[in-house]
Amino acid sequence: MDLYSELRFDADPAAVFAMLTDEAYIEKKTMAANAIRYTASVRRDGDRVTIDLVRVMPPDVPDFVRRFVGETIDIKQRDTWGQAAADGSREGSIELEMSGAPVRATGTMTLVRNGAATVLTIKGLLKASIPLVGGKIEQALHQGLTEAARIEERVGNDWLAGRR
């Protein structure tokens, strides 16, 4: 199933990137999305950045999905960002994997200025390799990921406005 999200932030690309790679911001957005617990690390190699995030989420999914994921949903995420262009824009990749279930998402991210704002665009593919119910699981998880993107946009704009 295709994934697509556009998050609009009221700041320039450098400020948005600084926020996205700030461990305090990562904690805030993760907890706002109702994580039970999480671990995060931000590694820098020059201007390149890798963020590893493991979220333990409540199983807010239909019962048929809960059979496959258990009492919690553990999501491993790796965001890898390349160097900034002269205008501050960046490209990166995103990988999501659900522990204990054959569910994976991979995609690309772009961070570009749009007027006075910056837009983070995420494009990817979500795949649940479970016979007969994979499509239903993908649909349920797609809804959760879409809601997480809306939360991240709201938390991010609050952060950039100084409401941390």
Protein backbone atom coordinates (compact mmCIF):
# COMPACT_ATOMS: atom_id res chain seq x y z
CA MET A 1 0.00 0.00 0.00
CA ASP A 2 1.33 3.43 -0.92
CA LEU A 3 2.15 5.89 1.85
CA TYR A 4 2.15 9.63 1.30
CA SER A 5 2.30 12.46 3.83
CA GLU A 6 3.08 16.14 3.58
CA LEU A 7 3.90 17.91 6.81
CA ARG A 8 4.05 21.70 6.66
CA PHE A 9 6.18 23.55 9.20
CA ASP A 10 6.29 27.31 9.74
CA ALA A 11 10.07 27.79 9.57
CA ASP A 12 12.99 27.53 7.16
CA PRO A 13 14.54 24.13 6.30
CA ALA A 14 17.53 24.58 8.64
CA ALA A 15 15.29 25.25 11.64
CA VAL A 16 12.99 22.35 10.76
CA PHE A 17 15.93 19.98 10.32
CA ALA A 18 17.42 21.07 13.65
CA MET A 19 14.05 20.28 15.26
CA LEU A 20 13.66 16.90 13.53
CA THR A 21 17.08 15.81 14.82
CA ASP A 22 16.66 17.13 18.37
CA GLU A 23 16.24 14.27 20.86
CA ALA A 24 13.90 16.37 23.04
CA TYR A 25 11.63 16.96 20.02
CA ILE A 26 11.74 13.25 19.12
CA GLU A 27 10.60 12.45 22.67
CA LYS A 28 7.80 15.02 22.53
CA LYS A 29 6.36 13.84 19.19
CA THR A 30 6.69 10.17 20.19
CA MET A 31 4.88 10.63 23.49
CA ALA A 32 2.22 12.81 21.82
CA ALA A 33 1.47 9.82 19.57
CA ASN A 34 0.70 7.77 22.73
CA ALA A 35 3.87 5.69 22.89
CA ILE A 36 4.10 3.57 26.03
CA ARG A 37 7.89 3.86 25.92
CA TYR A 38 10.62 4.48 23.39
CA THR A 39 14.35 4.61 22.74
CA ALA A 40 15.99 7.01 20.33
CA SER A 41 19.45 7.83 19.11
CA VAL A 42 20.72 10.51 16.75
CA ARG A 43 24.05 9.85 15.03
CA ARG A 44 25.84 12.51 13.02
CA ASP A 45 28.48 11.93 10.39
CA GLY A 46 29.39 15.41 9.25
CA ASP A 47 26.18 16.86 7.79
CA ARG A 48 24.53 13.43 7.43
CA VAL A 49 22.24 12.24 10.22
CA THR A 50 20.75 8.87 11.13
CA ILE A 51 17.91 8.67 13.64
CA ASP A 52 16.98 5.30 15.14
CA LEU A 53 13.69 5.22 17.02
CA VAL A 54 11.97 2.24 18.62
CA ARG A 55 8.43 2.91 19.81
CA VAL A 56 6.32 0.60 21.92
CA MET A 57 2.74 1.51 21.09
CA PRO A 58 -0.62 0.39 22.47
CA PRO A 59 -2.45 -1.94 20.08
CA ASP A 60 -5.03 0.61 18.91
CA VAL A 61 -5.91 -1.60 15.96
CA PRO A 62 -8.83 -3.87 15.08
CA ASP A 63 -8.95 -7.23 16.90
CA PHE A 64 -7.92 -9.22 13.83
CA VAL A 65 -4.69 -7.18 13.66
CA ARG A 66 -4.05 -7.55 17.40
CA ARG A 67 -3.79 -11.34 16.88
CA PHE A 68 -0.65 -10.73 14.84
CA VAL A 69 0.94 -7.98 16.92
CA GLY A 70 0.14 -8.93 20.51
CA GLU A 71 -0.37 -6.64 23.49
CA THR A 72 1.90 -3.91 22.13
CA ILE A 73 3.13 -2.83 18.74
CA ASP A 74 6.90 -2.38 18.61
CA ILE A 75 7.94 -0.22 15.67
CA LYS A 76 11.56 0.23 14.68
CA GLN A 77 12.20 3.30 12.54
CA ARG A 78 15.37 4.51 10.88
CA ASP A 79 15.51 7.92 9.22
CA THR A 80 18.67 8.65 7.24
CA TRP A 81 19.24 12.21 6.03
CA GLY A 82 21.79 13.30 3.46
CA GLN A 83 23.70 16.54 3.30
CA ALA A 84 21.90 19.86 3.02
CA ALA A 85 21.79 21.58 -0.35
CA ALA A 86 22.74 25.26 -0.58
CA ASP A 87 19.10 26.26 0.09
CA GLY A 88 18.86 23.98 3.15
CA SER A 89 16.76 21.32 1.43
CA ARG A 90 17.56 17.66 2.11
CA GLU A 91 16.71 14.18 0.94
CA GLY A 92 16.56 11.08 3.03
CA SER A 93 15.16 7.62 3.47
CA ILE A 94 12.82 6.07 6.01
CA GLU A 95 12.45 2.44 7.07
CA LEU A 96 9.81 1.07 9.43
CA GLU A 97 9.64 -2.48 10.72
CA MET A 98 7.18 -4.04 13.11
CA SER A 99 8.77 -6.46 15.56
CA GLY A 100 7.22 -9.91 15.58
CA ALA A 101 5.18 -9.39 12.42
CA PRO A 102 6.12 -9.42 8.72
CA VAL A 103 5.25 -5.76 8.25
CA ARG A 104 7.66 -3.28 6.71
CA ALA A 105 7.59 0.17 5.14
CA THR A 106 10.32 1.85 3.14
CA GLY A 107 10.38 5.19 1.46
CA THR A 108 11.95 8.54 0.76
CA MET A 109 11.76 11.89 2.50
CA THR A 110 12.35 15.37 1.18
CA LEU A 111 12.60 18.58 3.14
CA VAL A 112 12.12 21.70 0.98
CA ARG A 113 11.23 25.35 1.41
CA ASN A 114 7.77 26.37 0.23
CA GLY A 115 7.38 30.13 0.61
CA ALA A 116 7.94 31.00 4.27
CA ALA A 117 7.34 27.40 5.31
CA THR A 118 9.11 24.07 4.89
CA VAL A 119 7.40 20.91 3.65
CA LEU A 120 8.48 17.44 4.72
CA THR A 121 7.20 14.96 2.13
CA ILE A 122 7.24 11.24 2.89
CA LYS A 123 6.56 8.74 0.10
CA GLY A 124 6.75 5.04 0.68
CA LEU A 125 5.37 1.58 0.43
CA LEU A 126 3.80 -0.36 3.32
CA LYS A 127 3.75 -4.14 3.00
CA ALA A 128 2.23 -6.71 5.35
CA SER A 129 3.30 -10.17 4.16
CA ILE A 130 0.49 -12.10 5.84
CA PRO A 131 -1.69 -14.33 3.67
CA LEU A 132 -5.39 -13.41 3.38
CA VAL A 133 -5.35 -10.48 5.83
CA GLY A 134 -2.26 -8.53 4.73
CA GLY A 135 -4.32 -5.89 2.93
CA LYS A 136 -6.55 -5.31 5.95
CA ILE A 137 -3.51 -5.00 8.21
CA GLU A 138 -1.92 -2.54 5.79
CA GLN A 139 -5.11 -0.44 5.83
CA ALA A 140 -5.25 -0.38 9.66
CA LEU A 141 -1.57 0.54 9.94
CA HIS A 142 -1.89 3.14 7.19
CA GLN A 143 -4.52 4.92 9.29
CA GLY A 144 -2.20 4.88 12.31
CA LEU A 145 0.77 6.23 10.34
CA THR A 146 -1.37 8.98 8.80
CA GLU A 147 -2.56 10.04 12.26
CA ALA A 148 1.05 9.98 13.54
CA ALA A 149 2.04 12.36 10.71
CA ARG A 150 -0.75 14.78 11.70
CA ILE A 151 0.41 14.67 15.32
CA GLU A 152 4.03 15.28 14.28
CA GLU A 153 3.01 18.31 12.21
CA ARG A 154 1.04 19.80 15.14
CA VAL A 155 3.78 19.10 17.71
CA GLY A 156 6.42 20.42 15.32
CA ASN A 157 4.67 23.71 14.70
CA ASP A 158 4.13 24.14 18.44
CA TRP A 159 7.84 23.42 18.97
CA LEU A 160 8.89 25.94 16.35
CA ALA A 161 6.57 28.54 17.91
CA GLY A 162 8.33 28.06 21.26
CA ARG A 163 5.63 25.90 22.90
CA ARG A 164 7.87 23.04 23.97
